[in-house]
Structure formats: structure tokens, C-alpha cells
Amino acid sequence: MLLKMRGPLTALEIAHELKITKEGIRLQLLKLSEEELVTTGHHSRGVGRPQKTFSLTAKGNARFPDTHAELTLKLINILSAMGGNAMQEVISVYEETGKQKYHEEMDGIDQLEQKIEKLVEIRTREGYMAEYARNQDGYLLIENHCPICAAASICQGFCSSELNTFRSVLGQAVTVTRVTHIISGDRRCAYQITCN
């Protein structure tokens, strides 16, 4: 969970976070490495030798739920085979129901940061492991997991739909831009939220 939420970390960083010894965490990481759930890398963090870091492999990421992936992929393939606008119609309904649901929970909120907090709460409840942080340009909405990744990988209309939903519920006074994307090979999806 720690590697999923924070990305590559050193054994010492993990040990401090979990409040166990460095030797104890090394044994755990060795076990996870043997199971092909984590991999090692080297990252330069300032002056000195690059540090050995640990991150999740694809197999490790697969331990986090991808909501009904197999069924969803079959349905997408069926819709694609039907031709016409069937797939686009499904995505449009997905977007509209998402907007309606989010608006029901968020429309009474006036302050932008409170809206973002509520959006994070909703997205976390849906399995996205969401969080946000302030930055020099406004706010960064981060989703550390994508429970619909299999579907989004073959039909990125779902990703566009979610971005449109964020823009709708956060309002016209802000610009929402995706800055990292799991589908593009990034560790997580992140969205820059900037006041106009």
C-alpha cells in the first residue's frame, strides 16, 4: 500500500514509515521481490551515489482491484463489434450518470478546496486511492490507483469522461488538466486544478 501511494522508496524510508527495523523491512522486500511483486531501481536524490529504491511491478499493481475487469473487457469488445455509436453512447451515459452523482454530493459546497476534498472522498470510496496537495499553481488531485484501468486501457473515452466530470463539478472558475496518466505509463493519474 505504501509503495502504491508514494511510489519508489528506499528500504530506510519504508522502515521509518512502517516503524520497523531496516533489517526487518529488507526481509519483507526480499520476499516481495521473490514473488515478483516489487522491483528495485536506483534514483539520484541530490549529492552522492544513487539510492536503491523499491517500487511495485505490474504483478504487484495487479493486487489492487480492477473492478470487474474481465467482464468489462468482454462488454467493450462486444460493443466495439456492434459498430456504429454503441461504445460512444455507453461512454456518454457513463459520463452523465457520473456527473449527476457527483453533483448531488458536491453542489452545496462553495469553497474550491472543500469541493476538492469531497471529490477526493468520493474517488477514494470508488477505489481510486485519491489525495490532493496544494502547489504553486493551485491544487494537484492525485489518483494512486485506477479500478477501471483494464477498460480505460482499451477505451480511453472513459478517461476523457472522468476529466469532463471533474471539470463539471469543480466549476467554470477553474481549469482542470491531466498532467500524468496511468494509461500512458505513469505511476498514477494526476490533475492540475488552477483558478482562472
N, C-alpha and C. Protein backbone atom coordinates (compact mmCIF):
# COMPACT_ATOMS: atom_id res chain seq x y z
N MET A 1 0.84 -1.19 0.00
CA MET A 1 0.00 0.00 0.00
C MET A 1 0.88 1.25 0.00
N LEU A 2 1.94 1.23 0.79
CA LEU A 2 2.84 2.38 0.87
C LEU A 2 3.49 2.66 -0.49
N LEU A 3 3.96 1.62 -1.17
CA LEU A 3 4.57 1.82 -2.47
C LEU A 3 3.55 2.26 -3.51
N LYS A 4 2.32 1.80 -3.39
CA LYS A 4 1.27 2.22 -4.31
C LYS A 4 0.97 3.70 -4.14
N MET A 5 0.91 4.15 -2.90
CA MET A 5 0.55 5.53 -2.62
C MET A 5 1.70 6.51 -2.84
N ARG A 6 2.92 6.09 -2.54
CA ARG A 6 4.04 7.03 -2.56
C ARG A 6 5.03 6.81 -3.69
N GLY A 7 4.96 5.68 -4.37
CA GLY A 7 5.90 5.41 -5.44
C GLY A 7 7.21 4.86 -4.91
N PRO A 8 8.28 4.89 -5.71
CA PRO A 8 9.56 4.29 -5.30
C PRO A 8 10.09 4.88 -3.99
N LEU A 9 10.49 3.98 -3.09
CA LEU A 9 11.05 4.38 -1.79
C LEU A 9 12.26 3.52 -1.47
N THR A 10 13.15 4.05 -0.64
CA THR A 10 14.29 3.27 -0.16
C THR A 10 13.83 2.38 0.99
N ALA A 11 14.63 1.38 1.29
CA ALA A 11 14.31 0.49 2.42
C ALA A 11 14.22 1.29 3.72
N LEU A 12 15.12 2.27 3.88
CA LEU A 12 15.11 3.08 5.10
C LEU A 12 13.83 3.91 5.20
N GLU A 13 13.40 4.48 4.09
CA GLU A 13 12.15 5.27 4.09
C GLU A 13 10.95 4.39 4.46
N ILE A 14 10.93 3.18 3.91
CA ILE A 14 9.83 2.26 4.21
C ILE A 14 9.87 1.87 5.68
N ALA A 15 11.08 1.55 6.18
CA ALA A 15 11.24 1.15 7.58
C ALA A 15 10.76 2.26 8.52
N HIS A 16 11.13 3.51 8.23
CA HIS A 16 10.69 4.64 9.07
C HIS A 16 9.17 4.78 9.03
N GLU A 17 8.61 4.67 7.84
CA GLU A 17 7.16 4.85 7.68
C GLU A 17 6.38 3.75 8.42
N LEU A 18 6.89 2.52 8.35
CA LEU A 18 6.19 1.39 8.98
C LEU A 18 6.63 1.15 10.43
N LYS A 19 7.62 1.94 10.87
CA LYS A 19 8.13 1.85 12.24
C LYS A 19 8.63 0.44 12.59
N ILE A 20 9.43 -0.10 11.65
CA ILE A 20 10.11 -1.38 11.89
C ILE A 20 11.58 -1.20 11.54
N THR A 21 12.39 -2.19 11.87
CA THR A 21 13.83 -2.06 11.62
C THR A 21 14.13 -2.18 10.13
N LYS A 22 15.26 -1.63 9.76
CA LYS A 22 15.69 -1.70 8.36
C LYS A 22 15.92 -3.16 7.95
N GLU A 23 16.44 -3.96 8.86
CA GLU A 23 16.66 -5.38 8.58
C GLU A 23 15.33 -6.09 8.38
N GLY A 24 14.34 -5.75 9.20
CA GLY A 24 13.01 -6.36 9.07
C GLY A 24 12.37 -6.03 7.73
N ILE A 25 12.53 -4.80 7.30
CA ILE A 25 11.92 -4.41 6.03
C ILE A 25 12.67 -5.05 4.87
N ARG A 26 13.99 -5.22 5.00
CA ARG A 26 14.75 -5.87 3.93
C ARG A 26 14.26 -7.31 3.71
N LEU A 27 13.95 -8.02 4.80
CA LEU A 27 13.42 -9.38 4.67
C LEU A 27 12.07 -9.38 3.96
N GLN A 28 11.23 -8.42 4.32
CA GLN A 28 9.93 -8.31 3.66
C GLN A 28 10.09 -7.99 2.18
N LEU A 29 10.98 -7.05 1.87
CA LEU A 29 11.20 -6.66 0.47
C LEU A 29 11.81 -7.81 -0.34
N LEU A 30 12.68 -8.60 0.28
CA LEU A 30 13.26 -9.76 -0.39
C LEU A 30 12.15 -10.75 -0.75
N LYS A 31 11.26 -11.00 0.20
CA LYS A 31 10.13 -11.91 -0.04
C LYS A 31 9.24 -11.37 -1.17
N LEU A 32 8.92 -10.09 -1.12
CA LEU A 32 8.08 -9.49 -2.16
C LEU A 32 8.78 -9.51 -3.52
N SER A 33 10.11 -9.35 -3.51
CA SER A 33 10.89 -9.40 -4.74
C SER A 33 10.89 -10.81 -5.32
N GLU A 34 11.03 -11.82 -4.47
CA GLU A 34 10.99 -13.21 -4.93
C GLU A 34 9.63 -13.56 -5.52
N GLU A 35 8.58 -12.94 -5.01
CA GLU A 35 7.22 -13.16 -5.53
C GLU A 35 6.95 -12.27 -6.75
N GLU A 36 7.95 -11.50 -7.17
CA GLU A 36 7.88 -10.59 -8.32
C GLU A 36 6.82 -9.51 -8.14
N LEU A 37 6.61 -9.07 -6.89
CA LEU A 37 5.65 -8.02 -6.59
C LEU A 37 6.31 -6.65 -6.50
N VAL A 38 7.63 -6.63 -6.21
CA VAL A 38 8.38 -5.37 -6.19
C VAL A 38 9.64 -5.53 -7.03
N THR A 39 10.14 -4.43 -7.48
CA THR A 39 11.38 -4.40 -8.24
C THR A 39 12.27 -3.30 -7.67
N THR A 40 13.54 -3.37 -7.99
CA THR A 40 14.47 -2.35 -7.49
C THR A 40 14.88 -1.43 -8.63
N GLY A 41 15.28 -0.26 -8.24
CA GLY A 41 15.80 0.72 -9.17
C GLY A 41 16.79 1.60 -8.43
N HIS A 42 17.40 2.49 -9.12
CA HIS A 42 18.33 3.43 -8.48
C HIS A 42 17.94 4.84 -8.87
N HIS A 43 17.80 5.69 -7.87
CA HIS A 43 17.41 7.08 -8.13
C HIS A 43 18.41 8.01 -7.46
N SER A 44 18.81 9.02 -8.18
CA SER A 44 19.70 10.03 -7.66
C SER A 44 18.87 11.07 -6.92
N ARG A 45 19.21 11.31 -5.69
CA ARG A 45 18.50 12.29 -4.87
C ARG A 45 19.51 13.27 -4.29
N GLY A 46 20.00 14.11 -5.14
CA GLY A 46 20.98 15.10 -4.68
C GLY A 46 22.39 14.58 -4.83
N VAL A 47 23.26 15.02 -3.94
CA VAL A 47 24.67 14.68 -3.99
C VAL A 47 24.87 13.26 -3.48
N GLY A 48 25.84 12.56 -4.06
CA GLY A 48 26.17 11.22 -3.59
C GLY A 48 25.72 10.15 -4.57
N ARG A 49 25.96 8.91 -4.16
CA ARG A 49 25.59 7.78 -5.01
C ARG A 49 24.08 7.67 -5.13
N PRO A 50 23.62 7.16 -6.25
CA PRO A 50 22.17 6.91 -6.37
C PRO A 50 21.72 5.91 -5.32
N GLN A 51 20.52 6.10 -4.82
CA GLN A 51 19.99 5.21 -3.79
C GLN A 51 19.15 4.11 -4.41
N LYS A 52 19.23 2.93 -3.79
CA LYS A 52 18.42 1.79 -4.24
C LYS A 52 17.00 2.01 -3.75
N THR A 53 16.05 1.96 -4.68
CA THR A 53 14.65 2.14 -4.32
C THR A 53 13.84 0.92 -4.73
N PHE A 54 12.68 0.81 -4.13
CA PHE A 54 11.77 -0.30 -4.40
C PHE A 54 10.45 0.26 -4.90
N SER A 55 9.89 -0.40 -5.91
CA SER A 55 8.59 0.01 -6.44
C SER A 55 7.81 -1.23 -6.85
N LEU A 56 6.51 -1.05 -7.06
CA LEU A 56 5.65 -2.16 -7.45
C LEU A 56 5.89 -2.56 -8.90
N THR A 57 5.81 -3.85 -9.16
CA THR A 57 5.84 -4.35 -10.53
C THR A 57 4.40 -4.37 -11.05
N ALA A 58 4.23 -4.74 -12.30
CA ALA A 58 2.88 -4.89 -12.85
C ALA A 58 2.11 -5.94 -12.06
N LYS A 59 2.80 -7.01 -11.67
CA LYS A 59 2.17 -8.07 -10.87
C LYS A 59 1.76 -7.53 -9.50
N GLY A 60 2.59 -6.66 -8.93
CA GLY A 60 2.26 -6.03 -7.65
C GLY A 60 1.07 -5.10 -7.77
N ASN A 61 1.05 -4.32 -8.84
CA ASN A 61 -0.09 -3.43 -9.09
C ASN A 61 -1.37 -4.21 -9.31
N ALA A 62 -1.25 -5.41 -9.87
CA ALA A 62 -2.44 -6.23 -10.13
C ALA A 62 -3.11 -6.70 -8.84
N ARG A 63 -2.42 -6.58 -7.71
CA ARG A 63 -3.00 -6.97 -6.43
C ARG A 63 -4.07 -5.97 -5.96
N PHE A 64 -4.10 -4.80 -6.59
CA PHE A 64 -5.11 -3.80 -6.26
C PHE A 64 -6.28 -3.99 -7.21
N PRO A 65 -7.49 -3.81 -6.74
CA PRO A 65 -8.66 -4.19 -7.56
C PRO A 65 -8.82 -3.39 -8.84
N ASP A 66 -9.16 -4.09 -9.89
CA ASP A 66 -9.57 -3.50 -11.16
C ASP A 66 -11.01 -3.98 -11.35
N THR A 67 -11.94 -3.16 -10.95
CA THR A 67 -13.33 -3.52 -10.81
C THR A 67 -13.87 -4.27 -12.02
N HIS A 68 -14.18 -5.53 -11.82
CA HIS A 68 -14.83 -6.37 -12.83
C HIS A 68 -14.14 -6.30 -14.19
N ALA A 69 -12.83 -6.36 -14.19
CA ALA A 69 -12.04 -6.14 -15.41
C ALA A 69 -12.42 -7.09 -16.53
N GLU A 70 -12.48 -8.37 -16.25
CA GLU A 70 -12.73 -9.33 -17.32
C GLU A 70 -14.10 -9.11 -17.97
N LEU A 71 -15.13 -8.96 -17.16
CA LEU A 71 -16.46 -8.72 -17.71
C LEU A 71 -16.51 -7.42 -18.50
N THR A 72 -15.89 -6.38 -17.95
CA THR A 72 -15.88 -5.08 -18.62
C THR A 72 -15.21 -5.17 -19.99
N LEU A 73 -14.08 -5.87 -20.07
CA LEU A 73 -13.38 -6.00 -21.34
C LEU A 73 -14.23 -6.76 -22.37
N LYS A 74 -14.92 -7.79 -21.92
CA LYS A 74 -15.79 -8.54 -22.83
C LYS A 74 -16.90 -7.64 -23.37
N LEU A 75 -17.50 -6.85 -22.48
CA LEU A 75 -18.58 -5.95 -22.91
C LEU A 75 -18.07 -4.89 -23.88
N ILE A 76 -16.90 -4.35 -23.62
CA ILE A 76 -16.33 -3.35 -24.52
C ILE A 76 -16.08 -3.96 -25.90
N ASN A 77 -15.55 -5.18 -25.92
CA ASN A 77 -15.32 -5.85 -27.20
C ASN A 77 -16.62 -6.11 -27.95
N ILE A 78 -17.67 -6.49 -27.23
CA ILE A 78 -18.98 -6.71 -27.86
C ILE A 78 -19.51 -5.40 -28.45
N LEU A 79 -19.42 -4.32 -27.65
CA LEU A 79 -19.90 -3.03 -28.13
C LEU A 79 -19.11 -2.55 -29.35
N SER A 80 -17.82 -2.77 -29.33
CA SER A 80 -16.98 -2.36 -30.46
C SER A 80 -17.35 -3.16 -31.71
N ALA A 81 -17.63 -4.44 -31.53
CA ALA A 81 -18.00 -5.29 -32.67
C ALA A 81 -19.36 -4.88 -33.24
N MET A 82 -20.22 -4.30 -32.42
CA MET A 82 -21.54 -3.88 -32.88
C MET A 82 -21.43 -2.72 -33.87
N GLY A 83 -20.34 -1.99 -33.77
CA GLY A 83 -20.14 -0.86 -34.68
C GLY A 83 -21.03 0.32 -34.34
N GLY A 84 -21.08 1.25 -35.25
CA GLY A 84 -21.91 2.43 -35.02
C GLY A 84 -21.42 3.23 -33.83
N ASN A 85 -22.36 3.83 -33.13
CA ASN A 85 -22.03 4.68 -31.97
C ASN A 85 -22.27 4.00 -30.64
N ALA A 86 -22.39 2.68 -30.62
CA ALA A 86 -22.74 1.96 -29.39
C ALA A 86 -21.77 2.29 -28.25
N MET A 87 -20.47 2.22 -28.54
CA MET A 87 -19.48 2.48 -27.48
C MET A 87 -19.56 3.92 -27.01
N GLN A 88 -19.67 4.86 -27.93
CA GLN A 88 -19.76 6.27 -27.55
C GLN A 88 -21.01 6.55 -26.75
N GLU A 89 -22.10 5.89 -27.07
CA GLU A 89 -23.34 6.06 -26.31
C GLU A 89 -23.17 5.58 -24.88
N VAL A 90 -22.49 4.45 -24.71
CA VAL A 90 -22.23 3.92 -23.36
C VAL A 90 -21.37 4.91 -22.57
N ILE A 91 -20.33 5.44 -23.20
CA ILE A 91 -19.45 6.40 -22.52
C ILE A 91 -20.22 7.67 -22.17
N SER A 92 -21.10 8.12 -23.04
CA SER A 92 -21.91 9.33 -22.76
C SER A 92 -22.82 9.10 -21.56
N VAL A 93 -23.44 7.93 -21.48
CA VAL A 93 -24.30 7.63 -20.33
C VAL A 93 -23.46 7.52 -19.06
N TYR A 94 -22.28 6.88 -19.16
CA TYR A 94 -21.36 6.78 -18.03
C TYR A 94 -20.99 8.16 -17.51
N GLU A 95 -20.69 9.07 -18.43
CA GLU A 95 -20.31 10.44 -18.05
C GLU A 95 -21.48 11.17 -17.40
N GLU A 96 -22.65 11.10 -18.00
CA GLU A 96 -23.81 11.82 -17.46
C GLU A 96 -24.23 11.30 -16.09
N THR A 97 -24.21 9.99 -15.90
CA THR A 97 -24.59 9.45 -14.58
C THR A 97 -23.53 9.82 -13.55
N GLY A 98 -22.25 9.83 -13.96
CA GLY A 98 -21.18 10.24 -13.05
C GLY A 98 -21.34 11.69 -12.64
N LYS A 99 -21.59 12.56 -13.60
CA LYS A 99 -21.80 13.98 -13.29
C LYS A 99 -22.96 14.16 -12.34
N GLN A 100 -24.06 13.49 -12.62
CA GLN A 100 -25.25 13.63 -11.78
C GLN A 100 -24.95 13.19 -10.35
N LYS A 101 -24.31 12.04 -10.20
CA LYS A 101 -23.98 11.52 -8.88
C LYS A 101 -23.05 12.47 -8.12
N TYR A 102 -22.01 12.95 -8.79
CA TYR A 102 -21.05 13.84 -8.14
C TYR A 102 -21.70 15.18 -7.79
N HIS A 103 -22.51 15.71 -8.69
CA HIS A 103 -23.20 16.98 -8.42
C HIS A 103 -24.11 16.85 -7.20
N GLU A 104 -24.79 15.73 -7.06
CA GLU A 104 -25.67 15.52 -5.91
C GLU A 104 -24.90 15.63 -4.60
N GLU A 105 -23.66 15.16 -4.59
CA GLU A 105 -22.86 15.20 -3.37
C GLU A 105 -22.10 16.51 -3.19
N MET A 106 -21.86 17.25 -4.28
CA MET A 106 -20.97 18.39 -4.19
C MET A 106 -21.61 19.75 -4.41
N ASP A 107 -22.82 19.83 -4.94
CA ASP A 107 -23.39 21.12 -5.32
C ASP A 107 -23.60 22.10 -4.17
N GLY A 108 -23.72 21.64 -2.96
CA GLY A 108 -23.90 22.56 -1.84
C GLY A 108 -22.61 23.15 -1.32
N ILE A 109 -21.48 22.77 -1.90
CA ILE A 109 -20.17 23.21 -1.43
C ILE A 109 -19.71 24.38 -2.28
N ASP A 110 -19.32 25.50 -1.63
CA ASP A 110 -18.92 26.70 -2.35
C ASP A 110 -17.41 26.86 -2.51
N GLN A 111 -16.64 26.53 -1.47
CA GLN A 111 -15.19 26.75 -1.49
C GLN A 111 -14.49 25.67 -2.33
N LEU A 112 -13.55 26.09 -3.17
CA LEU A 112 -12.86 25.18 -4.07
C LEU A 112 -12.17 24.05 -3.32
N GLU A 113 -11.42 24.39 -2.27
CA GLU A 113 -10.68 23.33 -1.56
C GLU A 113 -11.64 22.32 -0.93
N GLN A 114 -12.77 22.79 -0.44
CA GLN A 114 -13.76 21.86 0.12
C GLN A 114 -14.35 20.97 -0.97
N LYS A 115 -14.54 21.53 -2.18
CA LYS A 115 -15.00 20.72 -3.30
C LYS A 115 -13.98 19.63 -3.63
N ILE A 116 -12.71 20.02 -3.64
CA ILE A 116 -11.66 19.06 -3.95
C ILE A 116 -11.60 17.97 -2.87
N GLU A 117 -11.73 18.37 -1.61
CA GLU A 117 -11.76 17.39 -0.52
C GLU A 117 -12.90 16.39 -0.71
N LYS A 118 -14.06 16.88 -1.10
CA LYS A 118 -15.21 16.00 -1.31
C LYS A 118 -14.97 15.10 -2.52
N LEU A 119 -14.39 15.65 -3.58
CA LEU A 119 -14.08 14.85 -4.75
C LEU A 119 -13.10 13.73 -4.39
N VAL A 120 -12.10 14.05 -3.59
CA VAL A 120 -11.13 13.05 -3.12
C VAL A 120 -11.86 11.96 -2.32
N GLU A 121 -12.77 12.37 -1.47
CA GLU A 121 -13.53 11.40 -0.67
C GLU A 121 -14.32 10.45 -1.57
N ILE A 122 -15.00 11.01 -2.56
CA ILE A 122 -15.81 10.20 -3.48
C ILE A 122 -14.92 9.25 -4.27
N ARG A 123 -13.85 9.78 -4.83
CA ARG A 123 -12.97 8.96 -5.66
C ARG A 123 -12.29 7.86 -4.84
N THR A 124 -11.93 8.15 -3.60
CA THR A 124 -11.34 7.13 -2.74
C THR A 124 -12.35 6.03 -2.46
N ARG A 125 -13.57 6.42 -2.19
CA ARG A 125 -14.65 5.46 -1.95
C ARG A 125 -14.84 4.56 -3.18
N GLU A 126 -14.59 5.09 -4.36
CA GLU A 126 -14.73 4.32 -5.60
C GLU A 126 -13.49 3.49 -5.93
N GLY A 127 -12.44 3.58 -5.12
CA GLY A 127 -11.26 2.75 -5.30
C GLY A 127 -10.06 3.41 -5.96
N TYR A 128 -10.09 4.73 -6.12
CA TYR A 128 -9.01 5.43 -6.82
C TYR A 128 -7.84 5.81 -5.91
N MET A 129 -7.95 5.58 -4.61
CA MET A 129 -6.89 5.92 -3.66
C MET A 129 -6.46 7.37 -3.88
N ALA A 130 -7.44 8.26 -3.84
CA ALA A 130 -7.21 9.67 -4.19
C ALA A 130 -6.68 10.48 -3.01
N GLU A 131 -5.99 11.55 -3.35
CA GLU A 131 -5.50 12.54 -2.39
C GLU A 131 -5.27 13.83 -3.16
N TYR A 132 -5.01 14.90 -2.44
CA TYR A 132 -4.68 16.15 -3.14
C TYR A 132 -3.64 16.91 -2.34
N ALA A 133 -3.00 17.83 -3.03
CA ALA A 133 -1.99 18.68 -2.39
C ALA A 133 -2.05 20.06 -3.03
N ARG A 134 -1.75 21.06 -2.24
CA ARG A 134 -1.61 22.42 -2.79
C ARG A 134 -0.27 22.50 -3.48
N ASN A 135 -0.22 23.29 -4.56
CA ASN A 135 1.06 23.58 -5.19
C ASN A 135 1.05 25.02 -5.68
N GLN A 136 2.12 25.45 -6.32
CA GLN A 136 2.25 26.85 -6.70
C GLN A 136 1.19 27.29 -7.72
N ASP A 137 0.59 26.33 -8.43
CA ASP A 137 -0.40 26.67 -9.45
C ASP A 137 -1.84 26.47 -8.98
N GLY A 138 -2.01 25.97 -7.77
CA GLY A 138 -3.36 25.72 -7.25
C GLY A 138 -3.39 24.44 -6.45
N TYR A 139 -3.96 23.39 -7.05
CA TYR A 139 -4.09 22.10 -6.37
C TYR A 139 -3.74 20.98 -7.34
N LEU A 140 -3.23 19.90 -6.78
CA LEU A 140 -2.96 18.72 -7.57
C LEU A 140 -3.82 17.59 -7.01
N LEU A 141 -4.76 17.11 -7.82
CA LEU A 141 -5.59 15.96 -7.47
C LEU A 141 -4.86 14.72 -7.96
N ILE A 142 -4.63 13.76 -7.07
CA ILE A 142 -3.83 12.58 -7.39
C ILE A 142 -4.68 11.34 -7.18
N GLU A 143 -4.63 10.44 -8.16
CA GLU A 143 -5.27 9.14 -8.04
C GLU A 143 -4.18 8.09 -8.16
N ASN A 144 -3.92 7.40 -7.04
CA ASN A 144 -2.84 6.44 -6.97
C ASN A 144 -3.20 5.07 -7.55
N HIS A 145 -4.47 4.87 -7.85
CA HIS A 145 -4.92 3.60 -8.41
C HIS A 145 -6.08 3.86 -9.35
N CYS A 146 -6.24 2.98 -10.33
CA CYS A 146 -7.36 3.09 -11.26
C CYS A 146 -8.11 1.77 -11.27
N PRO A 147 -9.28 1.72 -10.62
CA PRO A 147 -10.03 0.47 -10.57
C PRO A 147 -10.69 0.10 -11.90
N ILE A 148 -10.62 0.98 -12.90
CA ILE A 148 -11.17 0.66 -14.22
C ILE A 148 -10.06 0.64 -15.26
N CYS A 149 -8.84 0.39 -14.84
CA CYS A 149 -7.68 0.50 -15.73
C CYS A 149 -7.78 -0.40 -16.95
N ALA A 150 -8.25 -1.62 -16.78
CA ALA A 150 -8.35 -2.53 -17.92
C ALA A 150 -9.27 -1.95 -18.99
N ALA A 151 -10.42 -1.43 -18.56
CA ALA A 151 -11.37 -0.84 -19.50
C ALA A 151 -10.78 0.42 -20.13
N ALA A 152 -10.16 1.26 -19.31
CA ALA A 152 -9.61 2.52 -19.82
C ALA A 152 -8.45 2.27 -20.78
N SER A 153 -7.74 1.17 -20.61
CA SER A 153 -6.61 0.86 -21.49
C SER A 153 -7.04 0.62 -22.93
N ILE A 154 -8.23 0.03 -23.10
CA ILE A 154 -8.67 -0.23 -24.48
C ILE A 154 -9.70 0.78 -24.96
N CYS A 155 -10.19 1.60 -24.05
CA CYS A 155 -11.16 2.63 -24.44
C CYS A 155 -10.94 3.87 -23.60
N GLN A 156 -10.10 4.78 -24.08
CA GLN A 156 -9.73 5.94 -23.29
C GLN A 156 -10.86 6.97 -23.20
N GLY A 157 -11.98 6.68 -23.82
CA GLY A 157 -13.15 7.54 -23.67
C GLY A 157 -13.59 7.62 -22.21
N PHE A 158 -13.33 6.55 -21.44
CA PHE A 158 -13.66 6.57 -20.02
C PHE A 158 -12.84 7.62 -19.27
N CYS A 159 -11.57 7.73 -19.65
CA CYS A 159 -10.68 8.72 -19.01
C CYS A 159 -11.14 10.14 -19.36
N SER A 160 -11.49 10.37 -20.60
CA SER A 160 -11.97 11.69 -21.02
C SER A 160 -13.26 12.03 -20.29
N SER A 161 -14.11 11.04 -20.13
CA SER A 161 -15.38 11.23 -19.43
C SER A 161 -15.15 11.66 -17.98
N GLU A 162 -14.19 11.02 -17.32
CA GLU A 162 -13.91 11.38 -15.93
C GLU A 162 -13.35 12.79 -15.84
N LEU A 163 -12.47 13.17 -16.77
CA LEU A 163 -11.93 14.53 -16.79
C LEU A 163 -13.06 15.54 -16.98
N ASN A 164 -13.99 15.25 -17.88
CA ASN A 164 -15.15 16.13 -18.09
C ASN A 164 -15.99 16.25 -16.82
N THR A 165 -16.13 15.16 -16.10
CA THR A 165 -16.89 15.17 -14.85
C THR A 165 -16.21 16.07 -13.82
N PHE A 166 -14.90 15.95 -13.69
CA PHE A 166 -14.16 16.81 -12.75
C PHE A 166 -14.38 18.28 -13.09
N ARG A 167 -14.28 18.60 -14.36
CA ARG A 167 -14.46 19.99 -14.81
C ARG A 167 -15.87 20.48 -14.47
N SER A 168 -16.84 19.63 -14.66
CA SER A 168 -18.23 20.00 -14.39
C SER A 168 -18.47 20.28 -12.91
N VAL A 169 -18.02 19.39 -12.05
CA VAL A 169 -18.33 19.55 -10.62
C VAL A 169 -17.47 20.60 -9.94
N LEU A 170 -16.28 20.86 -10.46
CA LEU A 170 -15.42 21.88 -9.84
C LEU A 170 -15.77 23.28 -10.33
N GLY A 171 -16.46 23.37 -11.45
CA GLY A 171 -16.99 24.66 -11.90
C GLY A 171 -16.15 25.35 -12.95
N GLN A 172 -16.75 26.38 -13.54
CA GLN A 172 -16.11 27.11 -14.63
C GLN A 172 -15.02 28.06 -14.16
N ALA A 173 -14.91 28.28 -12.87
CA ALA A 173 -13.89 29.20 -12.35
C ALA A 173 -12.51 28.56 -12.29
N VAL A 174 -12.42 27.26 -12.62
CA VAL A 174 -11.12 26.58 -12.58
C VAL A 174 -10.86 25.86 -13.89
N THR A 175 -9.59 25.61 -14.13
CA THR A 175 -9.15 24.78 -15.25
C THR A 175 -8.60 23.49 -14.67
N VAL A 176 -9.04 22.35 -15.22
CA VAL A 176 -8.55 21.05 -14.77
C VAL A 176 -7.82 20.40 -15.94
N THR A 177 -6.55 20.06 -15.72
CA THR A 177 -5.71 19.47 -16.76
C THR A 177 -5.05 18.21 -16.23
N ARG A 178 -5.14 17.11 -16.99
CA ARG A 178 -4.45 15.88 -16.59
C ARG A 178 -2.97 16.08 -16.86
N VAL A 179 -2.12 15.84 -15.85
CA VAL A 179 -0.68 16.03 -16.02
C VAL A 179 0.09 14.70 -16.02
N THR A 180 -0.46 13.65 -15.41
CA THR A 180 0.11 12.31 -15.53
C THR A 180 -1.05 11.35 -15.71
N HIS A 181 -0.75 10.20 -16.36
CA HIS A 181 -1.81 9.29 -16.75
C HIS A 181 -1.31 7.85 -16.66
N ILE A 182 -1.96 7.03 -15.87
CA ILE A 182 -1.56 5.64 -15.71
C ILE A 182 -1.51 4.94 -17.06
N ILE A 183 -2.48 5.21 -17.91
CA ILE A 183 -2.57 4.57 -19.22
C ILE A 183 -1.35 4.90 -20.09
N SER A 184 -0.72 6.05 -19.83
CA SER A 184 0.47 6.45 -20.59
C SER A 184 1.75 5.91 -19.97
N GLY A 185 1.62 5.11 -18.92
CA GLY A 185 2.79 4.52 -18.28
C GLY A 185 3.23 5.20 -17.01
N ASP A 186 2.51 6.24 -16.60
CA ASP A 186 2.85 6.92 -15.34
C ASP A 186 2.39 6.06 -14.16
N ARG A 187 2.96 6.31 -13.01
CA ARG A 187 2.63 5.55 -11.80
C ARG A 187 1.23 5.85 -11.31
N ARG A 188 0.74 7.05 -11.60
CA ARG A 188 -0.57 7.47 -11.11
C ARG A 188 -1.15 8.51 -12.07
N CYS A 189 -2.43 8.78 -11.91
CA CYS A 189 -3.05 9.88 -12.65
C CYS A 189 -3.05 11.10 -11.74
N ALA A 190 -2.74 12.24 -12.31
CA ALA A 190 -2.76 13.48 -11.53
C ALA A 190 -3.37 14.59 -12.40
N TYR A 191 -4.09 15.48 -11.73
CA TYR A 191 -4.80 16.56 -12.40
C TYR A 191 -4.46 17.88 -11.74
N GLN A 192 -3.98 18.83 -12.54
CA GLN A 192 -3.70 20.17 -12.04
C GLN A 192 -4.99 20.97 -12.06
N ILE A 193 -5.33 21.56 -10.91
CA ILE A 193 -6.53 22.39 -10.79
C ILE A 193 -6.07 23.81 -10.53
N THR A 194 -6.38 24.71 -11.48
CA THR A 194 -5.90 26.08 -11.41
C THR A 194 -7.08 27.03 -11.51
N CYS A 195 -7.11 28.06 -10.66
CA CYS A 195 -8.17 29.07 -10.73
C CYS A 195 -7.95 29.92 -11.98
N ASN A 196 -9.03 30.23 -12.68
CA ASN A 196 -8.96 31.06 -13.89
C ASN A 196 -8.76 32.52 -13.55
